[in-house]
Structures are given as structure tokens and as C-alpha cells.
Amino acid sequence: MSDSGSVLPSEILARLEARVRWLTALCSFLTLGLLALIAWQFVPRPKVIEANAFVLRDHDWRRRGELGLREDGSPMLRLNSAAGRERVMFSARDDGRTVLRFTDGKDVYRARLELDAGGQPLLQMSGPDGRTRVAIAPLGGSYSGLALIGDDQKTVWSAP
């Protein structure tokens, strides 16, 4: 400062130069940050998607498939008809059972392949009314061996 209390032009110039250096440093820092963010977008990462359910919809926004959780929390895969009705359902239940079920166009369960909690398999086929007609299972279960079942739900033929 001069004796008269005014600021000298050299002091004003020094302050401006200090501000320019500070702004240059700040802009450099922000530019480096922006470049780091852009580079981060191109870093390869594992392609893991996590969700509680995935829904497959057709062009009319009808639900045609679903990979999700059942009410009991066990996972299931379901494929639907154009009307949104179940046609194929696969589930791995928490109680140890695994079920693959096929449904006809009239919402009748027509075939079921199942492993019970103990690992025993069952193949069950039903008629148009939903009643079991053929069942194949290992000996000792509710169906033993191969069984053909009549309209009255009694075994017509079985082996062994």
C-alpha cells in the first residue's frame, strides 16, 4: 500500500494472479475428476444383476414368464400362455421338493414330475378333468411302480 492509503497497481495485479492460479488449480482438479468418472464407465465389471423377480412381458404388456420367489420364499420359473395363465412351472421348494408341472390351455394340471423331500421321484399324468390317469413312482410311495388309474380314481392296473 502506498502512504496515501490507496492500493498500488502491482498489488492488485498480484492478487489477480493469485486468484487465477487458484482457479486454474480448481479447474485442473475438476477436469481430473471428470476424466476419472468417464474412465470408470469403461472399467470392466462382473455382469451380476440382483432382484427379487424378473418378469417377461410380450408386446401387449401381458405377463408371459416370471423368474421369482413363491409365497414361501422358494425360487420358481413360470411360463404363461398368451392369456397370462400358467403353462409350465418349475420350483425348488425350501422343504426339499422339486416340482416341474405342465398345464393345458384350460388351466388343468396335465403332467407333473416331482422329487419329494427325500429325493423319491414321481411322474404323474392327468386326464382332461385333472384326475390322475398314470403315475410312476418307486415302490413304497403313495404310488408304487407304474399305476394306471380309472375314472373312479381306483388303480386299474399296476406293476410290479
C-alpha atoms as a PDB file:
ATOM      1  CA  MET A   1       0.000   0.000   0.000  1.00  0.00           C
ATOM      2  CA  SER A   2       1.057   3.493  -0.608  1.00  0.00           C
ATOM      3  CA  ASP A   3       1.245   6.244   2.004  1.00  0.00           C
ATOM      4  CA  SER A   4      -1.964   7.803   0.830  1.00  0.00           C
ATOM      5  CA  GLY A   5      -3.971   4.610   1.678  1.00  0.00           C
ATOM      6  CA  SER A   6      -4.553   3.535  -1.880  1.00  0.00           C
ATOM      7  CA  VAL A   7      -3.651   0.156  -3.310  1.00  0.00           C
ATOM      8  CA  LEU A   8      -0.842   0.052  -5.799  1.00  0.00           C
ATOM      9  CA  PRO A   9      -1.458  -1.441  -9.236  1.00  0.00           C
ATOM     10  CA  SER A  10       1.261  -4.042  -8.625  1.00  0.00           C
ATOM     11  CA  GLU A  11      -0.616  -5.305  -5.519  1.00  0.00           C
ATOM     12  CA  ILE A  12      -3.881  -5.551  -7.481  1.00  0.00           C
ATOM     13  CA  LEU A  13      -2.057  -7.451 -10.202  1.00  0.00           C
ATOM     14  CA  ALA A  14      -0.520  -9.821  -7.600  1.00  0.00           C
ATOM     15  CA  ARG A  15      -3.992 -10.559  -6.099  1.00  0.00           C
ATOM     16  CA  LEU A  16      -5.437 -11.235  -9.547  1.00  0.00           C
ATOM     17  CA  GLU A  17      -2.563 -13.551 -10.387  1.00  0.00           C
ATOM     18  CA  ALA A  18      -3.139 -15.460  -7.112  1.00  0.00           C
ATOM     19  CA  ARG A  19      -6.846 -15.866  -7.951  1.00  0.00           C
ATOM     20  CA  VAL A  20      -6.001 -17.055 -11.460  1.00  0.00           C
ATOM     21  CA  ARG A  21      -3.595 -19.669 -10.022  1.00  0.00           C
ATOM     22  CA  TRP A  22      -6.271 -20.816  -7.539  1.00  0.00           C
ATOM     23  CA  LEU A  23      -8.948 -21.051 -10.267  1.00  0.00           C
ATOM     24  CA  THR A  24      -6.510 -22.879 -12.561  1.00  0.00           C
ATOM     25  CA  ALA A  25      -5.787 -25.432  -9.823  1.00  0.00           C
ATOM     26  CA  LEU A  26      -9.533 -25.862  -9.134  1.00  0.00           C
ATOM     27  CA  CYS A  27     -10.324 -26.345 -12.845  1.00  0.00           C
ATOM     28  CA  SER A  28      -7.480 -28.855 -13.151  1.00  0.00           C
ATOM     29  CA  PHE A  29      -8.812 -30.814 -10.169  1.00  0.00           C
ATOM     30  CA  LEU A  30     -12.383 -30.822 -11.551  1.00  0.00           C
ATOM     31  CA  THR A  31     -11.132 -31.868 -15.002  1.00  0.00           C
ATOM     32  CA  LEU A  32      -9.222 -34.801 -13.485  1.00  0.00           C
ATOM     33  CA  GLY A  33     -12.333 -35.808 -11.526  1.00  0.00           C
ATOM     34  CA  LEU A  34     -14.473 -35.715 -14.663  1.00  0.00           C
ATOM     35  CA  LEU A  35     -11.934 -37.794 -16.571  1.00  0.00           C
ATOM     36  CA  ALA A  36     -11.861 -40.335 -13.723  1.00  0.00           C
ATOM     37  CA  LEU A  37     -15.681 -40.609 -13.807  1.00  0.00           C
ATOM     38  CA  ILE A  38     -15.665 -41.120 -17.569  1.00  0.00           C
ATOM     39  CA  ALA A  39     -12.929 -43.757 -17.331  1.00  0.00           C
ATOM     40  CA  TRP A  40     -14.881 -45.549 -14.556  1.00  0.00           C
ATOM     41  CA  GLN A  41     -17.714 -46.200 -17.019  1.00  0.00           C
ATOM     42  CA  PHE A  42     -15.373 -48.269 -19.200  1.00  0.00           C
ATOM     43  CA  VAL A  43     -13.833 -50.367 -16.430  1.00  0.00           C
ATOM     44  CA  PRO A  44     -14.994 -53.994 -16.891  1.00  0.00           C
ATOM     45  CA  ARG A  45     -17.202 -55.215 -14.063  1.00  0.00           C
ATOM     46  CA  PRO A  46     -18.924 -58.546 -13.456  1.00  0.00           C
ATOM     47  CA  LYS A  47     -22.370 -58.680 -15.066  1.00  0.00           C
ATOM     48  CA  VAL A  48     -24.375 -59.585 -11.962  1.00  0.00           C
ATOM     49  CA  ILE A  49     -27.962 -58.435 -11.691  1.00  0.00           C
ATOM     50  CA  GLU A  50     -29.763 -58.964  -8.420  1.00  0.00           C
ATOM     51  CA  ALA A  51     -33.503 -58.772  -7.916  1.00  0.00           C
ATOM     52  CA  ASN A  52     -36.427 -60.484  -6.200  1.00  0.00           C
ATOM     53  CA  ALA A  53     -38.143 -61.243  -9.510  1.00  0.00           C
ATOM     54  CA  PHE A  54     -37.805 -60.904 -13.266  1.00  0.00           C
ATOM     55  CA  VAL A  55     -40.950 -60.636 -15.366  1.00  0.00           C
ATOM     56  CA  LEU A  56     -41.081 -61.320 -19.103  1.00  0.00           C
ATOM     57  CA  ARG A  57     -43.823 -59.380 -20.899  1.00  0.00           C
ATOM     58  CA  ASP A  58     -44.996 -59.526 -24.514  1.00  0.00           C
ATOM     59  CA  HIS A  59     -45.619 -56.566 -26.819  1.00  0.00           C
ATOM     60  CA  ASP A  60     -49.116 -56.116 -25.316  1.00  0.00           C
ATOM     61  CA  TRP A  61     -47.547 -55.985 -21.824  1.00  0.00           C
ATOM     62  CA  ARG A  62     -49.054 -59.333 -20.773  1.00  0.00           C
ATOM     63  CA  ARG A  63     -47.018 -61.352 -18.282  1.00  0.00           C
ATOM     64  CA  ARG A  64     -45.577 -64.297 -20.282  1.00  0.00           C
ATOM     65  CA  GLY A  65     -42.875 -65.513 -17.923  1.00  0.00           C
ATOM     66  CA  GLU A  66     -41.526 -64.995 -14.451  1.00  0.00           C
ATOM     67  CA  LEU A  67     -38.430 -65.918 -12.523  1.00  0.00           C
ATOM     68  CA  GLY A  68     -39.060 -65.117  -8.910  1.00  0.00           C
ATOM     69  CA  LEU A  69     -39.961 -66.317  -5.470  1.00  0.00           C
ATOM     70  CA  ARG A  70     -43.074 -68.195  -4.377  1.00  0.00           C
ATOM     71  CA  GLU A  71     -45.100 -67.105  -1.344  1.00  0.00           C
ATOM     72  CA  ASP A  72     -42.988 -69.405   0.854  1.00  0.00           C
ATOM     73  CA  GLY A  73     -39.762 -67.796  -0.416  1.00  0.00           C
ATOM     74  CA  SER A  74     -38.608 -70.685  -2.619  1.00  0.00           C
ATOM     75  CA  PRO A  75     -37.465 -69.939  -6.204  1.00  0.00           C
ATOM     76  CA  MET A  76     -39.636 -70.679  -9.232  1.00  0.00           C
ATOM     77  CA  LEU A  77     -39.708 -70.274 -13.001  1.00  0.00           C
ATOM     78  CA  ARG A  78     -43.108 -69.887 -14.626  1.00  0.00           C
ATOM     79  CA  LEU A  79     -44.025 -69.638 -18.312  1.00  0.00           C
ATOM     80  CA  ASN A  80     -47.516 -68.390 -19.196  1.00  0.00           C
ATOM     81  CA  SER A  81     -49.889 -68.605 -22.132  1.00  0.00           C
ATOM     82  CA  ALA A  82     -50.894 -65.530 -24.123  1.00  0.00           C
ATOM     83  CA  ALA A  83     -53.819 -65.170 -21.701  1.00  0.00           C
ATOM     84  CA  GLY A  84     -51.401 -64.936 -18.769  1.00  0.00           C
ATOM     85  CA  ARG A  85     -52.246 -68.408 -17.412  1.00  0.00           C
ATOM     86  CA  GLU A  86     -49.613 -70.819 -16.155  1.00  0.00           C
ATOM     87  CA  ARG A  87     -48.452 -73.382 -18.747  1.00  0.00           C
ATOM     88  CA  VAL A  88     -45.132 -74.554 -17.279  1.00  0.00           C
ATOM     89  CA  MET A  89     -43.933 -74.093 -13.714  1.00  0.00           C
ATOM     90  CA  PHE A  90     -40.661 -75.248 -12.169  1.00  0.00           C
ATOM     91  CA  SER A  91     -39.970 -74.741  -8.486  1.00  0.00           C
ATOM     92  CA  ALA A  92     -37.323 -75.782  -5.983  1.00  0.00           C
ATOM     93  CA  ARG A  93     -39.122 -75.589  -2.667  1.00  0.00           C
ATOM     94  CA  ASP A  94     -37.495 -74.944   0.666  1.00  0.00           C
ATOM     95  CA  ASP A  95     -38.888 -78.195   2.116  1.00  0.00           C
ATOM     96  CA  GLY A  96     -36.670 -80.136  -0.330  1.00  0.00           C
ATOM     97  CA  ARG A  97     -39.270 -80.871  -3.010  1.00  0.00           C
ATOM     98  CA  THR A  98     -38.609 -80.057  -6.652  1.00  0.00           C
ATOM     99  CA  VAL A  99     -41.593 -79.823  -8.990  1.00  0.00           C
ATOM    100  CA  LEU A 100     -41.964 -79.457 -12.762  1.00  0.00           C
ATOM    101  CA  ARG A 101     -45.620 -79.003 -13.699  1.00  0.00           C
ATOM    102  CA  PHE A 102     -47.343 -78.701 -17.101  1.00  0.00           C
ATOM    103  CA  THR A 103     -50.798 -77.183 -17.539  1.00  0.00           C
ATOM    104  CA  ASP A 104     -53.085 -77.368 -20.562  1.00  0.00           C
ATOM    105  CA  GLY A 105     -54.936 -74.469 -22.203  1.00  0.00           C
ATOM    106  CA  LYS A 106     -57.900 -74.971 -19.847  1.00  0.00           C
ATOM    107  CA  ASP A 107     -55.813 -74.499 -16.665  1.00  0.00           C
ATOM    108  CA  VAL A 108     -55.802 -78.229 -15.846  1.00  0.00           C
ATOM    109  CA  TYR A 109     -52.580 -79.729 -14.473  1.00  0.00           C
ATOM    110  CA  ARG A 110     -51.816 -82.459 -17.020  1.00  0.00           C
ATOM    111  CA  ALA A 111     -48.323 -83.663 -16.080  1.00  0.00           C
ATOM    112  CA  ARG A 112     -46.118 -83.371 -13.041  1.00  0.00           C
ATOM    113  CA  LEU A 113     -42.584 -84.544 -12.403  1.00  0.00           C
ATOM    114  CA  GLU A 114     -41.613 -84.263  -8.772  1.00  0.00           C
ATOM    115  CA  LEU A 115     -38.850 -85.173  -6.367  1.00  0.00           C
ATOM    116  CA  ASP A 116     -40.138 -85.319  -2.813  1.00  0.00           C
ATOM    117  CA  ALA A 117     -38.137 -84.086   0.188  1.00  0.00           C
ATOM    118  CA  GLY A 118     -36.435 -87.484   0.421  1.00  0.00           C
ATOM    119  CA  GLY A 119     -35.415 -87.478  -3.250  1.00  0.00           C
ATOM    120  CA  GLN A 120     -38.058 -90.011  -4.380  1.00  0.00           C
ATOM    121  CA  PRO A 121     -39.287 -89.278  -7.936  1.00  0.00           C
ATOM    122  CA  LEU A 122     -42.901 -89.211  -9.110  1.00  0.00           C
ATOM    123  CA  LEU A 123     -44.260 -88.848 -12.637  1.00  0.00           C
ATOM    124  CA  GLN A 124     -47.971 -88.149 -12.703  1.00  0.00           C
ATOM    125  CA  MET A 125     -50.134 -87.601 -15.797  1.00  0.00           C
ATOM    126  CA  SER A 126     -53.742 -86.459 -15.667  1.00  0.00           C
ATOM    127  CA  GLY A 127     -56.738 -86.536 -17.957  1.00  0.00           C
ATOM    128  CA  PRO A 128     -58.670 -83.507 -19.221  1.00  0.00           C
ATOM    129  CA  ASP A 129     -60.663 -83.474 -15.971  1.00  0.00           C
ATOM    130  CA  GLY A 130     -57.486 -83.113 -13.895  1.00  0.00           C
ATOM    131  CA  ARG A 131     -57.740 -86.582 -12.336  1.00  0.00           C
ATOM    132  CA  THR A 132     -54.598 -88.700 -12.239  1.00  0.00           C
ATOM    133  CA  ARG A 133     -54.527 -91.352 -15.009  1.00  0.00           C
ATOM    134  CA  VAL A 134     -50.908 -92.570 -14.934  1.00  0.00           C
ATOM    135  CA  ALA A 135     -48.489 -92.470 -12.051  1.00  0.00           C
ATOM    136  CA  ILE A 136     -44.957 -93.816 -11.949  1.00  0.00           C
ATOM    137  CA  ALA A 137     -43.081 -93.847  -8.668  1.00  0.00           C
ATOM    138  CA  PRO A 138     -40.631 -96.057  -6.783  1.00  0.00           C
ATOM    139  CA  LEU A 139     -42.051 -98.771  -4.534  1.00  0.00           C
ATOM    140  CA  GLY A 140     -43.139 -97.617  -1.118  1.00  0.00           C
ATOM    141  CA  GLY A 141     -44.630 -94.225  -2.014  1.00  0.00           C
ATOM    142  CA  SER A 142     -48.266 -93.211  -2.436  1.00  0.00           C
ATOM    143  CA  TYR A 143     -47.995 -94.777  -5.911  1.00  0.00           C
ATOM    144  CA  SER A 144     -45.779 -97.851  -6.210  1.00  0.00           C
ATOM    145  CA  GLY A 145     -44.187 -98.667  -9.521  1.00  0.00           C
ATOM    146  CA  LEU A 146     -46.416 -97.968 -12.508  1.00  0.00           C
ATOM    147  CA  ALA A 147     -50.133 -97.439 -11.995  1.00  0.00           C
ATOM    148  CA  LEU A 148     -52.980 -96.762 -14.410  1.00  0.00           C
ATOM    149  CA  ILE A 149     -55.910 -95.115 -12.656  1.00  0.00           C
ATOM    150  CA  GLY A 150     -59.523 -95.241 -13.824  1.00  0.00           C
ATOM    151  CA  ASP A 151     -62.297 -92.656 -13.805  1.00  0.00           C
ATOM    152  CA  ASP A 152     -63.249 -93.590 -10.240  1.00  0.00           C
ATOM    153  CA  GLN A 153     -59.655 -92.851  -9.122  1.00  0.00           C
ATOM    154  CA  LYS A 154     -59.036 -96.542  -8.351  1.00  0.00           C
ATOM    155  CA  THR A 155     -55.994 -98.343  -9.694  1.00  0.00           C
ATOM    156  CA  VAL A 156     -56.964-100.262 -12.845  1.00  0.00           C
ATOM    157  CA  TRP A 157     -53.542-101.769 -13.434  1.00  0.00           C
ATOM    158  CA  SER A 158     -50.222-101.558 -11.676  1.00  0.00           C
ATOM    159  CA  ALA A 159     -46.776-103.111 -11.855  1.00  0.00           C
ATOM    160  CA  PRO A 160     -44.988-104.643 -10.139  1.00  0.00           C
END
